[in-house]
């Protein structure tokens, strides 16, 4: 599982990798027509799970300079 700790932080922002625990948040995001208007439309929970698994989690590579890379 990817390290969920932030790898880039500023005073206003902390970036981190997606984890399987982000599914509910991502499913809510992709179920909103206003949010997905220019992303191809809404996705069902099943479509979102497939997207998370195959397009985000499976393609994650280690970050140079991190403990995992």
N, C-alpha and C. Protein backbone atom coordinates (compact mmCIF):
# COMPACT_ATOMS: atom_id res chain seq x y z
N UNK A 1 0.85 -1.17 0.00
CA UNK A 1 0.00 0.00 0.00
C UNK A 1 0.90 1.24 0.00
N UNK A 2 0.54 2.26 -0.79
CA UNK A 2 1.34 3.48 -0.83
C UNK A 2 1.35 4.19 0.52
N UNK A 3 2.44 4.89 0.77
CA UNK A 3 2.56 5.68 1.99
C UNK A 3 1.59 6.85 1.92
N UNK A 4 0.62 6.95 2.84
CA UNK A 4 -0.38 8.02 2.77
C UNK A 4 0.08 9.37 3.33
N UNK A 5 1.30 9.44 3.84
CA UNK A 5 1.75 10.72 4.39
C UNK A 5 2.04 11.70 3.27
N UNK A 6 1.85 12.99 3.53
CA UNK A 6 2.10 14.00 2.49
C UNK A 6 3.55 13.98 2.02
N UNK A 7 3.75 14.16 0.73
CA UNK A 7 5.11 14.22 0.19
C UNK A 7 5.46 15.61 -0.31
N UNK A 8 4.47 16.49 -0.36
CA UNK A 8 4.71 17.88 -0.70
C UNK A 8 3.77 18.72 0.15
N UNK A 9 4.33 19.60 0.93
CA UNK A 9 3.50 20.44 1.78
C UNK A 9 3.90 21.90 1.65
N UNK A 10 2.90 22.76 1.74
CA UNK A 10 3.09 24.20 1.81
C UNK A 10 2.22 24.67 2.97
N UNK A 11 2.14 25.97 3.18
CA UNK A 11 1.29 26.48 4.26
C UNK A 11 -0.18 26.16 4.02
N UNK A 12 -0.59 26.06 2.76
CA UNK A 12 -2.02 25.89 2.45
C UNK A 12 -2.36 24.56 1.81
N UNK A 13 -1.39 23.71 1.51
CA UNK A 13 -1.65 22.51 0.73
C UNK A 13 -0.76 21.37 1.17
N UNK A 14 -1.31 20.17 1.17
CA UNK A 14 -0.52 18.96 1.41
C UNK A 14 -0.94 17.93 0.36
N UNK A 15 0.00 17.52 -0.47
CA UNK A 15 -0.28 16.51 -1.49
C UNK A 15 0.18 15.15 -0.99
N UNK A 16 -0.62 14.16 -1.26
CA UNK A 16 -0.26 12.78 -0.91
C UNK A 16 -0.83 11.86 -1.96
N UNK A 17 -0.38 10.64 -1.97
CA UNK A 17 -0.89 9.65 -2.91
C UNK A 17 -2.28 9.18 -2.51
N UNK A 18 -3.06 8.77 -3.50
CA UNK A 18 -4.34 8.14 -3.22
C UNK A 18 -4.10 6.80 -2.55
N UNK A 19 -5.04 6.39 -1.71
CA UNK A 19 -5.02 5.07 -1.09
C UNK A 19 -6.41 4.46 -1.27
N UNK A 20 -6.56 3.16 -1.03
CA UNK A 20 -7.89 2.55 -1.11
C UNK A 20 -8.90 3.22 -0.18
N UNK A 21 -8.44 3.81 0.89
CA UNK A 21 -9.33 4.49 1.84
C UNK A 21 -9.98 5.73 1.24
N UNK A 22 -9.49 6.22 0.11
CA UNK A 22 -10.06 7.39 -0.55
C UNK A 22 -11.28 7.07 -1.41
N UNK A 23 -11.67 5.81 -1.46
CA UNK A 23 -12.76 5.41 -2.36
C UNK A 23 -14.06 6.17 -2.11
N UNK A 24 -14.54 6.26 -0.89
CA UNK A 24 -15.82 6.92 -0.63
C UNK A 24 -15.80 8.38 -1.07
N UNK A 25 -14.70 9.07 -0.79
CA UNK A 25 -14.56 10.46 -1.21
C UNK A 25 -14.57 10.56 -2.74
N UNK A 26 -13.81 9.68 -3.40
CA UNK A 26 -13.74 9.71 -4.86
C UNK A 26 -15.09 9.35 -5.48
N UNK A 27 -15.80 8.38 -4.89
CA UNK A 27 -17.12 8.00 -5.39
C UNK A 27 -18.10 9.16 -5.29
N UNK A 28 -18.05 9.90 -4.20
CA UNK A 28 -18.92 11.07 -4.05
C UNK A 28 -18.56 12.14 -5.08
N UNK A 29 -17.29 12.33 -5.30
CA UNK A 29 -16.83 13.31 -6.29
C UNK A 29 -17.32 12.95 -7.69
N UNK A 30 -17.13 11.68 -8.08
CA UNK A 30 -17.52 11.25 -9.42
C UNK A 30 -19.02 11.06 -9.60
N UNK A 31 -19.80 11.15 -8.53
CA UNK A 31 -21.25 11.05 -8.66
C UNK A 31 -21.90 12.43 -8.83
N UNK A 32 -21.09 13.48 -8.77
CA UNK A 32 -21.58 14.86 -8.88
C UNK A 32 -21.47 15.33 -10.33
N UNK A 33 -22.62 15.59 -10.97
CA UNK A 33 -22.64 15.99 -12.38
C UNK A 33 -21.91 17.30 -12.63
N UNK A 34 -21.96 18.23 -11.69
CA UNK A 34 -21.26 19.50 -11.86
C UNK A 34 -19.75 19.30 -11.86
N UNK A 35 -19.27 18.42 -11.00
CA UNK A 35 -17.83 18.17 -10.91
C UNK A 35 -17.34 17.43 -12.16
N UNK A 36 -18.11 16.50 -12.65
CA UNK A 36 -17.65 15.64 -13.75
C UNK A 36 -18.10 16.12 -15.13
N UNK A 37 -18.62 17.30 -15.19
CA UNK A 37 -19.15 17.82 -16.46
C UNK A 37 -18.16 17.71 -17.60
N UNK A 38 -16.90 18.02 -17.36
CA UNK A 38 -15.88 17.98 -18.41
C UNK A 38 -14.97 16.76 -18.29
N UNK A 39 -15.37 15.82 -17.47
CA UNK A 39 -14.58 14.60 -17.27
C UNK A 39 -15.28 13.37 -17.84
N UNK A 40 -16.31 13.57 -18.64
CA UNK A 40 -17.00 12.44 -19.23
C UNK A 40 -18.28 12.05 -18.52
N UNK A 41 -18.70 12.81 -17.55
CA UNK A 41 -19.95 12.51 -16.85
C UNK A 41 -19.74 11.71 -15.59
N UNK A 42 -20.85 11.48 -14.91
CA UNK A 42 -20.80 10.78 -13.62
C UNK A 42 -20.41 9.32 -13.80
N UNK A 43 -19.87 8.76 -12.73
CA UNK A 43 -19.50 7.35 -12.68
C UNK A 43 -20.26 6.70 -11.52
N UNK A 44 -20.64 5.45 -11.72
CA UNK A 44 -21.25 4.68 -10.63
C UNK A 44 -20.14 4.32 -9.63
N UNK A 45 -20.54 3.81 -8.47
CA UNK A 45 -19.54 3.37 -7.49
C UNK A 45 -18.67 2.27 -8.07
N UNK A 46 -19.27 1.38 -8.84
CA UNK A 46 -18.51 0.30 -9.46
C UNK A 46 -17.50 0.84 -10.46
N UNK A 47 -17.92 1.79 -11.29
CA UNK A 47 -17.01 2.41 -12.26
C UNK A 47 -15.90 3.18 -11.56
N UNK A 48 -16.25 3.84 -10.46
CA UNK A 48 -15.25 4.58 -9.70
C UNK A 48 -14.24 3.63 -9.07
N UNK A 49 -14.71 2.49 -8.57
CA UNK A 49 -13.78 1.50 -7.98
C UNK A 49 -12.82 1.00 -9.04
N UNK A 50 -13.33 0.70 -10.23
CA UNK A 50 -12.47 0.24 -11.32
C UNK A 50 -11.46 1.33 -11.69
N UNK A 51 -11.92 2.58 -11.78
CA UNK A 51 -11.04 3.70 -12.10
C UNK A 51 -9.94 3.83 -11.04
N UNK A 52 -10.32 3.78 -9.77
CA UNK A 52 -9.34 3.90 -8.69
C UNK A 52 -8.32 2.77 -8.77
N UNK A 53 -8.80 1.56 -8.96
CA UNK A 53 -7.90 0.40 -8.99
C UNK A 53 -6.97 0.40 -10.19
N UNK A 54 -7.51 0.67 -11.38
CA UNK A 54 -6.72 0.50 -12.60
C UNK A 54 -6.01 1.77 -13.09
N UNK A 55 -6.56 2.92 -12.82
CA UNK A 55 -5.98 4.16 -13.35
C UNK A 55 -5.21 4.96 -12.31
N UNK A 56 -5.44 4.68 -11.03
CA UNK A 56 -4.75 5.45 -9.99
C UNK A 56 -3.82 4.55 -9.17
N UNK A 57 -4.36 3.55 -8.51
CA UNK A 57 -3.54 2.74 -7.61
C UNK A 57 -2.55 1.85 -8.36
N UNK A 58 -2.96 1.23 -9.46
CA UNK A 58 -2.08 0.33 -10.20
C UNK A 58 -0.98 1.05 -10.97
N UNK A 59 -1.14 2.34 -11.19
CA UNK A 59 -0.14 3.07 -11.98
C UNK A 59 0.74 3.96 -11.12
N UNK A 60 0.59 3.88 -9.81
CA UNK A 60 1.38 4.72 -8.91
C UNK A 60 2.82 4.25 -8.90
N UNK A 61 3.73 5.17 -9.11
CA UNK A 61 5.17 4.85 -9.04
C UNK A 61 5.77 5.59 -7.85
N UNK A 62 6.86 5.05 -7.32
CA UNK A 62 7.50 5.73 -6.18
C UNK A 62 7.96 7.13 -6.54
N UNK A 63 7.95 7.99 -5.56
CA UNK A 63 8.41 9.36 -5.73
C UNK A 63 9.90 9.40 -5.40
N UNK A 64 10.67 9.98 -6.31
CA UNK A 64 12.11 10.08 -6.06
C UNK A 64 12.36 10.86 -4.77
N UNK A 65 13.27 10.35 -3.98
CA UNK A 65 13.61 11.04 -2.74
C UNK A 65 12.74 10.65 -1.56
N UNK A 66 11.71 9.84 -1.80
CA UNK A 66 10.86 9.40 -0.69
C UNK A 66 11.37 8.07 -0.16
N UNK A 67 10.83 7.64 0.94
CA UNK A 67 11.23 6.36 1.53
C UNK A 67 10.92 5.20 0.60
N UNK A 68 9.88 5.36 -0.25
CA UNK A 68 9.49 4.28 -1.15
C UNK A 68 10.15 4.39 -2.51
N UNK A 69 10.95 5.42 -2.76
CA UNK A 69 11.54 5.59 -4.07
C UNK A 69 12.88 6.07 -3.99
